[in-house]
N, C-alpha and C. Protein backbone atom coordinates (compact mmCIF):
# COMPACT_ATOMS: atom_id res chain seq x y z
N MET A 1 138.88 94.26 134.72
CA MET A 1 138.02 95.41 134.99
C MET A 1 138.87 96.68 134.93
N LYS A 2 138.36 97.67 134.24
CA LYS A 2 139.10 98.93 134.10
C LYS A 2 138.66 99.90 135.18
N SER A 3 139.56 100.78 135.55
CA SER A 3 139.22 101.79 136.54
C SER A 3 138.28 102.81 135.90
N PRO A 4 137.44 103.48 136.70
CA PRO A 4 136.48 104.43 136.14
C PRO A 4 137.13 105.62 135.44
N ASP A 5 138.38 105.91 135.78
CA ASP A 5 139.02 107.07 135.16
C ASP A 5 139.92 106.67 133.99
N ALA A 6 139.65 105.52 133.39
CA ALA A 6 140.46 105.09 132.24
C ALA A 6 140.34 106.13 131.14
N ARG A 7 141.44 106.40 130.47
CA ARG A 7 141.49 107.46 129.48
C ARG A 7 140.93 107.04 128.12
N HIS A 8 140.74 105.77 127.89
CA HIS A 8 140.19 105.32 126.62
C HIS A 8 139.33 104.09 126.86
N SER A 9 138.41 103.84 125.95
CA SER A 9 137.55 102.67 126.09
C SER A 9 138.08 101.54 125.23
N GLU A 10 137.54 100.35 125.46
CA GLU A 10 137.99 99.21 124.67
C GLU A 10 137.71 99.44 123.21
N GLY A 11 138.57 98.94 122.36
CA GLY A 11 138.40 99.11 120.93
C GLY A 11 139.11 100.33 120.39
N GLN A 12 139.49 101.24 121.27
CA GLN A 12 140.23 102.42 120.83
C GLN A 12 141.71 102.18 121.03
N SER A 13 142.50 102.83 120.22
CA SER A 13 143.95 102.68 120.36
C SER A 13 144.42 103.44 121.59
N GLU A 14 145.61 103.10 122.01
CA GLU A 14 146.20 103.79 123.16
C GLU A 14 146.30 105.28 122.86
N PRO A 15 146.10 106.14 123.87
CA PRO A 15 146.23 107.57 123.63
C PRO A 15 147.66 107.89 123.17
N LYS A 16 147.76 108.82 122.26
CA LYS A 16 149.06 109.20 121.74
C LYS A 16 149.89 109.82 122.86
N GLU A 17 151.10 109.37 122.98
CA GLU A 17 151.98 109.91 124.02
C GLU A 17 152.21 111.38 123.75
N GLU A 18 152.18 112.18 124.82
CA GLU A 18 152.35 113.62 124.66
C GLU A 18 153.67 113.94 123.99
N GLU A 19 153.58 114.81 123.02
CA GLU A 19 154.78 115.19 122.26
C GLU A 19 155.76 115.90 123.19
N SER A 20 156.98 115.43 123.20
CA SER A 20 158.02 116.07 124.00
C SER A 20 159.11 116.55 123.08
N ILE A 21 159.71 117.64 123.45
CA ILE A 21 160.80 118.17 122.65
C ILE A 21 161.94 118.56 123.57
N ARG A 22 163.10 118.64 122.99
CA ARG A 22 164.25 119.14 123.73
C ARG A 22 164.65 120.45 123.07
N GLU A 23 164.49 121.53 123.80
CA GLU A 23 164.87 122.83 123.28
C GLU A 23 165.45 123.63 124.43
N PRO A 24 166.60 124.25 124.22
CA PRO A 24 167.17 125.05 125.31
C PRO A 24 166.24 126.21 125.66
N LEU A 25 166.01 126.38 126.93
CA LEU A 25 165.18 127.48 127.38
C LEU A 25 166.08 128.67 127.67
N VAL A 26 166.44 129.35 126.64
CA VAL A 26 167.33 130.49 126.78
C VAL A 26 166.51 131.74 126.55
N CYS A 27 166.58 132.64 127.48
CA CYS A 27 165.81 133.87 127.41
C CYS A 27 166.73 135.01 127.81
N ALA A 28 166.63 136.12 127.13
CA ALA A 28 167.51 137.25 127.42
C ALA A 28 167.31 137.77 128.84
N SER A 29 166.11 137.61 129.38
CA SER A 29 165.85 138.17 130.70
C SER A 29 165.93 137.15 131.84
N HIS A 30 166.21 135.89 131.53
CA HIS A 30 166.29 134.88 132.57
C HIS A 30 167.51 134.00 132.35
N ASP A 31 168.14 133.61 133.42
CA ASP A 31 169.25 132.66 133.35
C ASP A 31 168.76 131.32 133.88
N LEU A 32 168.47 130.40 132.98
CA LEU A 32 168.06 129.06 133.39
C LEU A 32 169.22 128.12 133.13
N PRO A 33 169.73 127.50 134.17
CA PRO A 33 170.85 126.57 133.95
C PRO A 33 170.43 125.43 133.04
N ARG A 34 171.33 125.00 132.21
CA ARG A 34 171.02 123.95 131.24
C ARG A 34 170.55 122.66 131.92
N CYS A 35 170.96 122.43 133.15
CA CYS A 35 170.55 121.19 133.82
C CYS A 35 169.06 121.20 134.14
N THR A 36 168.42 122.34 134.12
CA THR A 36 166.98 122.40 134.41
C THR A 36 166.14 122.27 133.15
N ILE A 37 166.78 122.20 131.99
CA ILE A 37 166.03 122.15 130.74
C ILE A 37 165.27 120.83 130.64
N GLY A 38 166.00 119.72 130.64
CA GLY A 38 165.37 118.41 130.58
C GLY A 38 164.41 118.30 129.42
N ARG A 39 163.38 117.50 129.62
CA ARG A 39 162.36 117.33 128.58
C ARG A 39 161.15 118.15 128.98
N MET A 40 160.66 118.92 128.07
CA MET A 40 159.51 119.76 128.35
C MET A 40 158.46 119.49 127.27
N SER A 41 157.23 119.38 127.68
CA SER A 41 156.18 119.12 126.69
C SER A 41 156.02 120.34 125.79
N ALA A 42 155.55 120.10 124.59
CA ALA A 42 155.34 121.19 123.64
C ALA A 42 154.35 122.21 124.20
N ASP A 43 153.33 121.73 124.91
CA ASP A 43 152.35 122.64 125.51
C ASP A 43 152.99 123.54 126.55
N MET A 44 153.83 122.96 127.39
CA MET A 44 154.50 123.75 128.42
C MET A 44 155.42 124.79 127.80
N LEU A 45 156.15 124.40 126.77
CA LEU A 45 157.05 125.34 126.11
C LEU A 45 156.25 126.47 125.47
N GLN A 46 155.12 126.15 124.85
CA GLN A 46 154.27 127.18 124.24
C GLN A 46 153.75 128.13 125.31
N CYS A 47 153.34 127.61 126.45
CA CYS A 47 152.87 128.46 127.55
C CYS A 47 153.97 129.39 128.03
N LEU A 48 155.18 128.88 128.13
CA LEU A 48 156.31 129.70 128.56
C LEU A 48 156.56 130.84 127.58
N LYS A 49 156.49 130.53 126.29
CA LYS A 49 156.69 131.56 125.26
C LYS A 49 155.57 132.61 125.33
N GLU A 50 154.33 132.15 125.53
CA GLU A 50 153.21 133.08 125.61
C GLU A 50 153.31 133.96 126.85
N LEU A 51 153.74 133.40 127.96
CA LEU A 51 153.93 134.20 129.17
C LEU A 51 154.99 135.27 128.96
N GLU A 52 156.05 134.94 128.25
CA GLU A 52 157.10 135.91 127.96
C GLU A 52 156.54 137.04 127.09
N GLN A 53 155.69 136.70 126.12
CA GLN A 53 155.08 137.73 125.27
C GLN A 53 154.14 138.62 126.08
N ILE A 54 153.40 138.03 127.00
CA ILE A 54 152.51 138.81 127.87
C ILE A 54 153.32 139.76 128.73
N LYS A 55 154.43 139.27 129.25
CA LYS A 55 155.30 140.12 130.08
C LYS A 55 155.83 141.30 129.27
N GLU A 56 156.26 141.04 128.04
CA GLU A 56 156.77 142.11 127.19
C GLU A 56 155.68 143.12 126.88
N ALA A 57 154.46 142.65 126.60
CA ALA A 57 153.35 143.55 126.31
C ALA A 57 152.99 144.38 127.54
N ALA A 58 152.99 143.77 128.71
CA ALA A 58 152.67 144.49 129.94
C ALA A 58 153.72 145.56 130.22
N THR A 59 154.98 145.25 129.98
CA THR A 59 156.06 146.22 130.18
C THR A 59 155.90 147.39 129.22
N ALA A 60 155.58 147.10 127.96
CA ALA A 60 155.38 148.17 126.97
C ALA A 60 154.19 149.04 127.36
N LEU A 61 153.11 148.42 127.83
CA LEU A 61 151.93 149.17 128.25
C LEU A 61 152.25 150.05 129.45
N GLN A 62 153.02 149.53 130.37
CA GLN A 62 153.42 150.30 131.55
C GLN A 62 154.22 151.54 131.12
N CYS A 63 155.11 151.38 130.15
CA CYS A 63 155.89 152.52 129.65
C CYS A 63 154.98 153.55 129.00
N ARG A 64 154.00 153.09 128.22
CA ARG A 64 153.07 154.02 127.56
C ARG A 64 152.23 154.76 128.58
N ILE A 65 151.80 154.08 129.62
CA ILE A 65 151.01 154.73 130.68
C ILE A 65 151.86 155.79 131.37
N ARG A 66 153.11 155.45 131.65
CA ARG A 66 154.02 156.40 132.29
C ARG A 66 154.22 157.62 131.40
N ASP A 67 154.43 157.40 130.10
CA ASP A 67 154.60 158.51 129.15
C ASP A 67 153.34 159.37 129.09
N PHE A 68 152.17 158.75 129.11
CA PHE A 68 150.91 159.48 129.08
C PHE A 68 150.77 160.33 130.34
N GLY A 69 151.14 159.77 131.48
CA GLY A 69 151.10 160.52 132.74
C GLY A 69 152.04 161.71 132.70
N ASP A 70 153.22 161.51 132.14
CA ASP A 70 154.18 162.61 132.01
C ASP A 70 153.62 163.71 131.11
N MET A 71 152.97 163.30 130.01
CA MET A 71 152.39 164.26 129.08
C MET A 71 151.28 165.07 129.77
N LEU A 72 150.43 164.39 130.56
CA LEU A 72 149.35 165.08 131.25
C LEU A 72 149.87 166.05 132.30
N SER A 73 150.97 165.70 132.92
CA SER A 73 151.51 166.57 133.98
C SER A 73 152.06 167.88 133.42
N LYS A 74 152.30 167.93 132.11
CA LYS A 74 152.83 169.15 131.49
C LYS A 74 151.73 170.18 131.23
N PHE A 75 150.46 169.77 131.32
CA PHE A 75 149.36 170.70 131.05
C PHE A 75 149.05 171.53 132.25
C-alpha cells in the first residue's frame, strides 16, 4: 500500500532526481566560505542569482531616486 502523498503512481517511472551542481558561490559583495558551498540545487542557485540581480536593481533605483531628489531641491 502506498502512502497518500506518493509522488508518482504505479506504472510511472521514478521521479527524476533533482539536478544538483557544484559551483563556487563567489560574489563580489559577499564572502561565503568554501566549506558552505556544498551541493546546491540548480533552482536554488538560480534563485540566488536572481536575488543578487534584484538587489543590484534596487540599489540603482535608490541612487536614481536620490539624484532626482537632489535635482528637485535645486529648484
